[in-house]
Structure formats: structure tokens, C-alpha cells
Amino acid sequence: MTANAPKPTPPLRGPFRKRTLRQHVLRRLALVVPISVLVIVLAKTGTLDTLTDRYTFRPESWFDDTALVRHLRVMVTHNGMTPIKSDCLLFIVNGNDPPTASRIDVMQKTSGSCPGPKGDLPKLFTLRIDRMNRIIMSDQGSPNTFHPIP
């Protein structure tokens, strides 16, 4: 060997080694597939809805009807108050009540993908909401006799 001859470079090891396209695709799939399955399982079990509600429902949301109905939809379906899926529930806010204490009728939709005779809108129960004290009462199972929801 001569003094000016280039030295052979050792093969790269560790994270600097060149990957083939196949290795690159397999590593991506090994990361994406389990995460996708986990998200689907969390969505099907309702855990994703509960977590979203926990992080998005704020104290000021008690005075926003849209946010409150979204919160009540999660509570009613996940507390076992009704076996009906959340897409088939209709929440009707009574506009004549004072802003601090409202009544919301929970009805069952029977159109589209919701089961039941078409055109029917059976009332399931009424929720009474004390927005100032953040208390939700229900008359489920005992009409016009309100009790705290589970």
C-alpha cells in the first residue's frame, strides 16, 4: 500500500446504515398498523368519546347549549341510561326556561339508520340542568320525579 492510497471505509452500522425500501416500508407499517388498530378499538368502545369530552368540556361550556348537549350525549350513552346509540338520540332544549336552569328532553330518533317506526319520536326522559351549580338531574324511570344521574 502506498501512503496516499485511500483507506477502505468500514460498513456503516447503527442508525446511519442505509435502509432498503422494503425495510423502510416494514418499519412504517410496524408503527402505523398498531396505532390504527388502537384508535379503532378506542372509538368502538367509546373510550375516545369519553376522553374527548373530558378534555373539551370546560366550566364555561355549561352555558353553551351545543357543548352541553355534546357532553350530555356522552354521559347518557356511557352511563348506561339508554341502550340506544348516541347518533339516534335527539336533545330538545326548552327555550322558555331561565338560562341558569334548563330542561332538556331526550328523544329517540327513528329515521335514517336508527331503528323504529318511521316518523315516531318517543320521549325517553327529561334532564334538568342547574347550570350555576353544575348539577344534572333526570326523571328516567320516574316521570316528573327528578334524581341525580348516575
Protein backbone atom coordinates (compact mmCIF):
# COMPACT_ATOMS: atom_id res chain seq x y z
CA MET A 1 0.00 0.00 0.00
CA THR A 2 1.12 3.45 -0.73
CA ALA A 3 0.95 6.29 1.71
CA ASN A 4 -1.52 8.29 -0.44
CA ALA A 5 -3.94 5.44 -1.15
CA PRO A 6 -7.45 5.96 0.33
CA LYS A 7 -8.31 3.76 3.26
CA PRO A 8 -11.30 1.47 2.76
CA THR A 9 -14.32 2.75 4.70
CA PRO A 10 -15.86 0.32 7.14
CA PRO A 11 -19.53 -0.56 6.55
CA LEU A 12 -21.90 1.80 8.36
CA ARG A 13 -23.61 0.48 11.45
CA GLY A 14 -26.44 1.64 13.62
CA PRO A 15 -28.84 4.36 12.57
CA PHE A 16 -26.59 5.63 9.76
CA ARG A 17 -26.71 2.41 7.79
CA LYS A 18 -28.61 2.67 4.53
CA ARG A 19 -32.02 1.01 4.58
CA THR A 20 -33.65 -0.67 1.68
CA LEU A 21 -37.10 0.40 0.53
CA ARG A 22 -38.53 -2.82 1.90
CA GLN A 23 -37.08 -2.15 5.36
CA HIS A 24 -38.40 1.39 5.26
CA VAL A 25 -41.95 0.27 4.38
CA LEU A 26 -41.94 -2.51 7.00
CA ARG A 27 -40.82 -0.11 9.74
CA ARG A 28 -43.56 2.35 8.83
CA LEU A 29 -46.19 -0.40 8.80
CA ALA A 30 -44.96 -1.71 12.15
CA LEU A 31 -45.69 1.74 13.57
CA VAL A 32 -48.87 2.73 11.73
CA VAL A 33 -50.89 -0.52 11.88
CA PRO A 34 -50.90 -0.97 15.70
CA ILE A 35 -51.73 2.70 16.24
CA SER A 36 -54.60 2.49 13.75
CA VAL A 37 -55.98 -0.64 15.41
CA LEU A 38 -55.73 1.03 18.83
CA VAL A 39 -57.65 4.11 17.65
CA ILE A 40 -60.37 1.95 16.08
CA VAL A 41 -60.75 -0.10 19.28
CA LEU A 42 -60.91 3.07 21.42
CA ALA A 43 -63.55 4.56 19.11
CA LYS A 44 -65.70 1.40 19.11
CA THR A 45 -65.62 1.06 22.91
CA GLY A 46 -66.49 4.72 23.46
CA THR A 47 -63.28 5.49 25.32
CA LEU A 48 -62.26 8.00 22.68
CA ASP A 49 -65.56 9.89 23.12
CA THR A 50 -65.12 9.97 26.88
CA LEU A 51 -61.54 11.22 26.64
CA THR A 52 -62.52 13.89 24.13
CA ASP A 53 -65.37 15.04 26.35
CA ARG A 54 -63.11 15.14 29.39
CA TYR A 55 -60.63 17.44 27.65
CA THR A 56 -63.06 19.67 25.72
CA PHE A 57 -65.87 20.26 28.24
CA ARG A 58 -64.88 23.33 30.27
CA PRO A 59 -66.69 25.17 33.10
CA GLU A 60 -67.88 27.84 30.66
CA SER A 61 -69.40 25.09 28.49
CA TRP A 62 -72.28 24.77 30.97
CA PHE A 63 -73.74 27.95 29.42
CA ASP A 64 -73.25 26.88 25.79
CA ASP A 65 -76.15 24.69 24.66
CA THR A 66 -74.18 22.98 21.88
CA ALA A 67 -71.28 21.99 24.16
CA LEU A 68 -73.68 20.93 26.92
CA VAL A 69 -75.69 18.70 24.57
CA ARG A 70 -72.45 17.11 23.29
CA HIS A 71 -71.44 16.44 26.93
CA LEU A 72 -74.89 15.04 27.80
CA ARG A 73 -74.84 12.77 24.74
CA VAL A 74 -71.62 11.16 26.03
CA MET A 75 -72.89 10.93 29.61
CA VAL A 76 -76.26 9.42 28.69
CA THR A 77 -74.81 6.74 26.43
CA HIS A 78 -71.79 5.81 28.57
CA ASN A 79 -73.55 5.81 31.95
CA GLY A 80 -76.00 3.17 30.75
CA MET A 81 -79.04 5.43 30.89
CA THR A 82 -80.12 4.19 27.47
CA PRO A 83 -79.01 1.34 25.20
CA ILE A 84 -79.69 3.49 22.13
CA LYS A 85 -76.61 4.61 20.23
CA SER A 86 -75.72 8.27 20.52
CA ASP A 87 -76.49 9.06 16.87
CA CYS A 88 -80.12 8.08 17.45
CA LEU A 89 -80.69 10.46 20.36
CA LEU A 90 -82.27 13.87 19.92
CA PHE A 91 -81.85 16.51 22.63
CA ILE A 92 -84.50 19.26 22.68
CA VAL A 93 -83.62 22.29 24.80
CA ASN A 94 -86.63 24.10 26.27
CA GLY A 95 -86.14 27.73 25.23
CA ASN A 96 -88.66 29.11 27.77
CA ASP A 97 -86.59 28.13 30.81
CA PRO A 98 -84.32 30.63 32.56
CA PRO A 99 -80.68 30.49 31.38
CA THR A 100 -79.44 29.19 34.73
CA ALA A 101 -81.81 26.20 34.95
CA SER A 102 -82.85 24.37 31.79
CA ARG A 103 -84.86 21.33 30.88
CA ILE A 104 -83.74 19.13 28.02
CA ASP A 105 -85.97 16.39 26.62
CA VAL A 106 -84.14 13.31 25.37
CA MET A 107 -85.96 11.73 22.44
CA GLN A 108 -85.25 8.70 20.26
CA LYS A 109 -84.87 9.36 16.53
CA THR A 110 -86.40 6.74 14.26
CA SER A 111 -85.22 7.91 10.86
CA GLY A 112 -82.23 7.04 8.70
CA SER A 113 -80.11 4.30 10.29
CA CYS A 114 -81.99 4.46 13.62
CA PRO A 115 -84.40 1.57 14.29
CA GLY A 116 -88.09 2.04 14.98
CA PRO A 117 -91.26 3.01 13.14
CA LYS A 118 -90.63 5.93 10.78
CA GLY A 119 -91.98 9.27 11.94
CA ASP A 120 -92.14 8.26 15.60
CA LEU A 121 -90.27 10.39 18.15
CA PRO A 122 -90.65 8.69 21.54
CA LYS A 123 -89.57 10.66 24.59
CA LEU A 124 -87.13 8.72 26.75
CA PHE A 125 -86.69 11.10 29.70
CA THR A 126 -86.10 14.71 30.70
CA LEU A 127 -82.91 16.21 32.08
CA ARG A 128 -82.99 19.21 34.40
CA ILE A 129 -79.73 21.15 34.39
CA ASP A 130 -78.74 23.61 37.10
CA ARG A 131 -76.02 25.46 35.21
CA MET A 132 -74.87 27.61 38.13
CA ASN A 133 -74.22 24.65 40.46
CA ARG A 134 -73.35 22.22 37.63
CA ILE A 135 -75.93 19.63 38.64
CA ILE A 136 -77.74 17.32 36.21
CA MET A 137 -80.95 15.62 37.31
CA SER A 138 -83.01 13.07 35.37
CA ASP A 139 -86.54 11.71 35.55
CA GLN A 140 -85.57 8.42 33.91
CA GLY A 141 -87.81 5.63 35.18
CA SER A 142 -89.94 8.01 37.27
CA PRO A 143 -91.65 10.73 35.20
CA ASN A 144 -91.60 14.21 36.81
CA THR A 145 -89.58 12.95 39.81
CA PHE A 146 -86.00 14.08 39.30
CA HIS A 147 -82.94 12.40 40.75
CA PRO A 148 -79.17 12.81 40.11
CA ILE A 149 -77.89 10.92 37.11
CA PRO A 150 -75.55 8.00 37.78
